[in-house]
Protein backbone atom coordinates (compact mmCIF):
# COMPACT_ATOMS: atom_id res chain seq x y z
CA MET A 1 33.31 -71.32 21.03
CA ASP A 2 29.72 -70.29 21.79
CA TYR A 3 28.26 -67.08 20.35
CA TRP A 4 25.39 -64.79 21.16
CA GLU A 5 23.07 -64.01 18.27
CA ILE A 6 21.73 -60.51 18.91
CA ASN A 7 18.51 -59.80 17.00
CA ILE A 8 17.81 -56.04 16.80
CA ASN A 9 14.57 -54.67 15.34
CA PHE A 10 13.93 -51.23 13.85
CA SER A 11 10.75 -49.35 12.97
CA GLU A 12 12.75 -47.69 10.15
CA LEU A 13 15.47 -49.80 8.54
CA HIS A 14 17.30 -47.04 6.65
CA PRO A 15 19.74 -45.68 7.61
CA TRP A 16 19.57 -47.12 11.15
CA ARG A 17 20.47 -50.70 10.31
CA ASP A 18 23.62 -49.64 8.47
CA ILE A 19 24.61 -47.26 11.25
CA ALA A 20 24.15 -50.09 13.77
CA ILE A 21 26.46 -52.34 11.73
CA SER A 22 29.10 -49.62 11.67
CA ILE A 23 28.89 -49.20 15.46
CA LEU A 24 28.86 -52.89 16.33
CA ASP A 25 31.71 -53.63 13.93
CA GLN A 26 33.92 -51.61 16.29
CA LYS A 27 32.68 -53.45 19.41
CA ASN A 28 34.00 -56.98 18.72
CA PHE A 29 30.91 -58.22 16.87
CA ASP A 30 32.12 -60.70 14.25
CA SER A 31 29.41 -60.81 11.61
CA PHE A 32 26.04 -59.47 10.56
CA VAL A 33 22.95 -60.73 8.75
CA GLU A 34 20.29 -58.29 7.55
CA THR A 35 16.69 -59.34 8.25
CA LYS A 36 13.32 -58.00 7.12
CA THR A 37 12.84 -56.23 10.46
CA GLY A 38 16.41 -55.32 11.34
CA LEU A 39 19.66 -57.08 12.01
CA LYS A 40 21.20 -60.22 13.45
CA SER A 41 24.71 -59.73 14.82
CA TYR A 42 27.09 -62.25 16.37
CA ILE A 43 29.63 -61.92 19.17
CA ALA A 44 31.65 -64.39 21.25
CA LYS A 45 29.75 -65.31 24.41
CA ASP A 46 32.45 -64.06 26.80
CA GLN A 47 32.73 -60.67 25.04
CA PHE A 48 29.09 -59.60 25.21
CA LYS A 49 27.64 -57.12 27.71
CA ASP A 50 24.24 -55.45 27.54
CA GLU A 51 26.00 -52.07 27.68
CA LEU A 52 27.34 -52.62 24.13
CA LEU A 53 23.82 -51.97 22.86
CA THR A 54 23.04 -48.91 24.99
CA GLU A 55 23.51 -46.37 22.19
CA ILE A 56 21.45 -48.31 19.65
CA GLU A 57 18.76 -49.11 22.23
CA SER A 58 18.31 -45.37 22.86
CA TRP A 59 17.27 -44.65 19.27
CA ASP A 60 13.59 -43.98 18.61
CA SER A 61 13.83 -46.29 15.60
CA CYS A 62 15.00 -49.25 17.73
CA THR A 63 11.99 -51.29 18.82
CA GLY A 64 13.98 -53.72 20.95
CA TRP A 65 16.46 -56.59 20.86
CA THR A 66 16.75 -60.20 21.93
CA LYS A 67 19.64 -62.62 22.27
CA ASN A 68 19.94 -66.30 21.49
CA LEU A 69 22.87 -68.56 22.39
CA ILE A 70 24.38 -70.23 19.32
CA GLU A 71 26.49 -73.25 20.16
CA ASP A 72 29.66 -73.76 18.17
CA ARG A 73 28.43 -76.90 16.45
CA ASN A 74 25.46 -74.98 15.00
CA TRP A 75 27.36 -71.96 13.68
CA ASN A 76 27.93 -72.98 10.07
CA ALA A 77 24.35 -74.18 9.72
CA GLU A 78 23.16 -70.80 10.98
CA TRP A 79 25.28 -68.99 8.39
CA GLU A 80 24.22 -71.28 5.55
CA SER A 81 20.55 -70.69 6.26
CA ASN A 82 21.06 -66.92 5.78
CA PHE A 83 23.65 -66.79 3.00
CA ASP A 84 22.23 -65.82 -0.39
CA PRO A 85 24.28 -65.43 -3.60
CA VAL A 86 25.54 -61.90 -4.26
CA LEU A 87 25.11 -60.87 -7.91
CA ILE A 88 26.88 -57.80 -9.28
CA GLY A 89 25.15 -57.29 -12.60
CA ASP A 90 26.44 -59.63 -15.30
CA LYS A 91 29.99 -59.29 -13.95
CA LEU A 92 30.27 -61.29 -10.75
CA ALA A 93 28.49 -63.95 -8.70
CA ILE A 94 29.68 -64.46 -5.11
CA VAL A 95 28.32 -67.81 -3.98
CA ALA A 96 28.76 -70.40 -1.24
CA PRO A 97 29.83 -74.02 -1.87
CA PHE A 98 26.28 -75.21 -1.18
CA HIS A 99 24.72 -73.05 -3.90
CA GLU A 100 23.89 -75.45 -6.71
CA GLU A 101 22.23 -73.03 -9.13
CA GLU A 102 23.81 -72.19 -12.47
CA PHE A 103 25.20 -68.64 -12.63
CA HIS A 104 25.85 -66.78 -15.87
CA GLN A 105 27.98 -63.88 -14.61
CA GLU A 106 31.40 -63.22 -16.15
CA LEU A 107 33.20 -64.40 -13.00
CA LYS A 108 32.24 -66.56 -10.02
CA ILE A 109 33.86 -66.48 -6.58
CA THR A 110 33.09 -69.16 -4.00
CA ILE A 111 33.17 -68.02 -0.37
CA GLN A 112 32.78 -70.38 2.56
CA PRO A 113 30.44 -68.38 4.82
CA GLN A 114 32.00 -68.00 8.22
CA MET A 115 32.27 -65.11 10.68
CA SER A 116 34.65 -63.00 8.58
CA PHE A 117 33.54 -59.66 7.19
CA GLY A 118 33.37 -59.22 3.44
CA THR A 119 31.15 -61.73 1.68
CA GLY A 120 29.90 -59.09 -0.74
CA HIS A 121 26.57 -58.66 1.03
CA HIS A 122 27.64 -55.39 2.60
CA GLN A 123 27.37 -52.30 0.42
CA THR A 124 31.05 -51.37 0.78
CA THR A 125 32.31 -54.76 -0.40
CA TYR A 126 29.81 -54.59 -3.26
CA LEU A 127 31.09 -51.13 -4.26
CA ALA A 128 34.73 -52.21 -4.17
CA SER A 129 34.02 -55.36 -6.18
CA GLU A 130 32.12 -53.42 -8.81
CA ARG A 131 34.84 -50.77 -9.13
CA LEU A 132 37.66 -53.30 -9.59
CA PHE A 133 36.07 -54.39 -12.87
CA ASP A 134 36.62 -50.89 -14.27
CA LEU A 135 40.32 -50.70 -13.37
CA GLU A 136 43.23 -52.18 -15.29
CA LEU A 137 44.56 -54.88 -12.96
CA ILE A 138 46.49 -57.02 -15.44
CA GLY A 139 50.13 -57.24 -14.34
CA THR A 140 49.64 -55.11 -11.21
CA ASP A 141 50.70 -55.61 -7.59
CA VAL A 142 47.70 -55.15 -5.28
CA LEU A 143 47.33 -54.64 -1.52
CA ASP A 144 43.99 -55.71 0.00
CA MET A 145 44.28 -54.26 3.51
CA GLY A 146 42.02 -56.00 6.03
CA THR A 147 41.08 -58.71 3.57
CA GLY A 148 38.36 -60.40 5.68
CA THR A 149 37.10 -63.39 3.68
CA GLY A 150 39.63 -62.58 0.95
CA VAL A 151 36.90 -61.87 -1.60
CA LEU A 152 38.49 -58.68 -2.99
CA ALA A 153 41.94 -60.27 -3.13
CA ILE A 154 40.47 -63.24 -5.01
CA LEU A 155 38.67 -60.92 -7.41
CA ALA A 156 41.87 -58.93 -8.01
CA GLU A 157 43.71 -62.11 -9.02
CA LYS A 158 40.86 -63.22 -11.28
CA LEU A 159 40.99 -59.80 -12.98
CA GLY A 160 44.67 -60.26 -13.79
CA ALA A 161 46.70 -58.96 -10.85
CA LYS A 162 50.25 -60.29 -10.88
CA PHE A 163 50.48 -60.39 -7.08
CA VAL A 164 48.09 -59.67 -4.20
CA PHE A 165 49.15 -59.12 -0.58
CA ALA A 166 46.18 -59.61 1.75
CA PRO A 167 46.76 -59.14 5.51
CA ASP A 168 44.16 -59.11 8.28
CA ILE A 169 44.55 -58.63 12.04
CA ASP A 170 41.75 -61.10 12.85
CA LYS A 171 42.85 -64.74 13.20
CA TRP A 172 39.45 -66.12 12.19
CA SER A 173 39.39 -63.95 9.06
CA PHE A 174 42.92 -65.08 8.19
CA GLN A 175 41.92 -68.74 8.47
CA ASN A 176 38.72 -68.21 6.49
CA ALA A 177 40.63 -66.34 3.77
CA GLN A 178 43.03 -69.28 3.53
CA ASP A 179 40.08 -71.61 2.91
CA ASN A 180 38.59 -69.28 0.30
CA VAL A 181 41.86 -68.83 -1.59
CA LYS A 182 42.06 -72.63 -1.90
CA LEU A 183 38.39 -72.89 -2.93
CA ASN A 184 39.05 -70.49 -5.80
CA ALA A 185 42.37 -72.11 -6.81
CA CYS A 186 44.25 -68.80 -6.46
CA LYS A 187 48.02 -68.91 -6.86
CA ARG A 188 49.15 -65.29 -6.64
CA ILE A 189 47.75 -64.23 -3.26
CA GLU A 190 49.91 -63.94 -0.14
CA LEU A 191 47.80 -63.95 3.01
CA ALA A 192 49.20 -62.72 6.32
CA LEU A 193 48.05 -62.38 9.92
CA GLY A 194 48.76 -58.84 11.10
CA GLY A 195 48.22 -55.16 10.42
CA HIS A 196 49.83 -52.19 8.71
CA GLU A 197 53.26 -53.08 10.07
CA LEU A 198 53.41 -55.92 7.52
CA VAL A 199 53.20 -53.42 4.65
CA GLU A 200 56.42 -51.60 5.55
CA GLY A 201 58.96 -51.80 2.74
CA ARG A 202 56.45 -53.08 0.19
CA THR A 203 55.00 -51.12 -2.73
CA PHE A 204 51.89 -51.66 -4.82
CA ASP A 205 50.12 -50.33 -7.90
CA ILE A 206 46.66 -50.54 -6.31
CA VAL A 207 45.74 -50.35 -2.62
CA ILE A 208 42.28 -51.44 -1.42
CA ALA A 209 41.24 -50.70 2.17
CA ASN A 210 37.67 -51.64 3.09
CA ILE A 211 37.92 -50.76 6.79
CA ASN A 212 36.19 -48.35 9.17
CA LYS A 213 36.75 -44.60 8.96
CA ASN A 214 38.96 -44.12 12.02
CA ILE A 215 41.45 -46.76 10.93
CA LEU A 216 41.52 -45.32 7.41
CA ILE A 217 42.38 -41.87 8.76
CA GLU A 218 45.09 -43.32 11.00
CA HIS A 219 46.72 -45.28 8.16
CA PHE A 220 46.66 -42.82 5.23
CA SER A 221 50.40 -42.23 5.60
CA VAL A 222 50.99 -45.99 5.35
CA TYR A 223 48.97 -46.18 2.13
CA SER A 224 50.85 -43.21 0.71
CA LYS A 225 54.25 -44.78 1.35
CA SER A 226 53.19 -48.14 -0.04
CA LEU A 227 51.51 -46.90 -3.24
CA ASN A 228 53.57 -46.47 -6.39
CA SER A 229 53.50 -43.23 -8.38
CA LYS A 230 50.37 -43.05 -10.56
CA GLY A 231 48.82 -45.76 -8.40
CA LYS A 232 45.19 -46.06 -7.28
CA LEU A 233 43.82 -46.05 -3.73
CA LEU A 234 40.29 -47.38 -3.09
CA ILE A 235 38.87 -46.89 0.40
CA SER A 236 35.49 -47.91 1.73
CA GLY A 237 33.76 -48.84 4.98
CA PHE A 238 32.14 -45.47 5.82
CA PHE A 239 29.11 -43.33 5.08
CA GLU A 240 28.86 -40.76 2.30
CA THR A 241 28.62 -38.06 4.98
CA ASP A 242 32.24 -38.84 5.96
CA LYS A 243 33.64 -38.19 2.48
CA ASN A 244 34.82 -34.60 2.99
CA GLU A 245 36.82 -35.43 6.11
CA LEU A 246 38.47 -38.40 4.38
CA ILE A 247 39.26 -36.40 1.23
CA GLN A 248 40.95 -33.71 3.31
CA VAL A 249 43.16 -36.23 5.12
CA ALA A 250 43.95 -38.02 1.85
CA GLU A 251 45.04 -34.81 0.16
CA LYS A 252 47.36 -34.01 3.06
CA ASN A 253 49.03 -37.35 2.42
CA GLY A 254 49.68 -36.78 -1.28
CA PHE A 255 46.52 -38.19 -2.85
CA THR A 256 44.28 -36.56 -5.46
CA PHE A 257 40.54 -37.23 -5.31
CA ALA A 258 39.30 -39.07 -8.41
CA ASN A 259 35.85 -40.61 -7.85
CA LEU A 260 33.02 -41.16 -5.38
CA PHE A 261 30.66 -44.14 -5.53
CA VAL A 262 27.64 -44.55 -3.25
CA LYS A 263 25.27 -47.41 -2.44
CA ASP A 264 22.54 -47.03 0.19
CA GLU A 265 24.41 -44.15 1.88
CA TRP A 266 27.66 -46.14 2.12
CA ALA A 267 30.56 -44.83 0.04
CA LEU A 268 33.75 -45.72 -1.78
CA LEU A 269 36.38 -43.09 -2.51
CA GLU A 270 38.98 -43.43 -5.24
CA PHE A 271 42.25 -41.48 -5.20
CA ASP A 272 45.23 -41.12 -7.53
CA LYS A 273 48.81 -40.76 -6.40
CA VAL A 274 50.81 -38.47 -8.68
């Protein structure tokens, strides 16, 4: 499949680049690479229309955009040229198979860079990864809703989770997660292709949902039913300015606000279920 590479430039990167990612993520764009002047985003050739960029193009901070056709045979090479290791302090290194450097972090996760969301480069994945180190995961059952590359599911297993269920509605993400689970020799992760309907009848000690705000709001009742008493809910994929709305909806569904973590205006909310 051929893809369009859309290169968008901004006179001011923050917060406009992150806002653009949030918008395009809901318009069938598959992946994003931050550049010094803005953002490269990728979408299947037959799904792109100029109108998808109308809102972003209207911003004063947007100085223009160009598109470049990326043929299928060049896709992995394009990703590899832009994929840098993600280092989370001395705790975690998220690397690609072609990274040959020696890393001294406590844990290392290898991710085959493809079009799936969640390599750790985005602030929300970074926040969720960092927070998992501070939770007690040994012997727990974990749900990683919308797993993407599978990076958070893989981390949960490496931190001692007894079982991880990791569904995603995107076929490409599902296939990429399968590859990454094998790369990291994980044995306790169940991947699945589908959405919240796959969670029905299952219960977990920890639920992770790194998805966009509207889907989070829609699915709070699902998370509430699937989370055991005294369990933890971690949600991310939204801006700090959205926190009050999400806290209100969470509390209506039986959750108690516990913590807020912020990185570059993106946020992670942590809730307890009593």
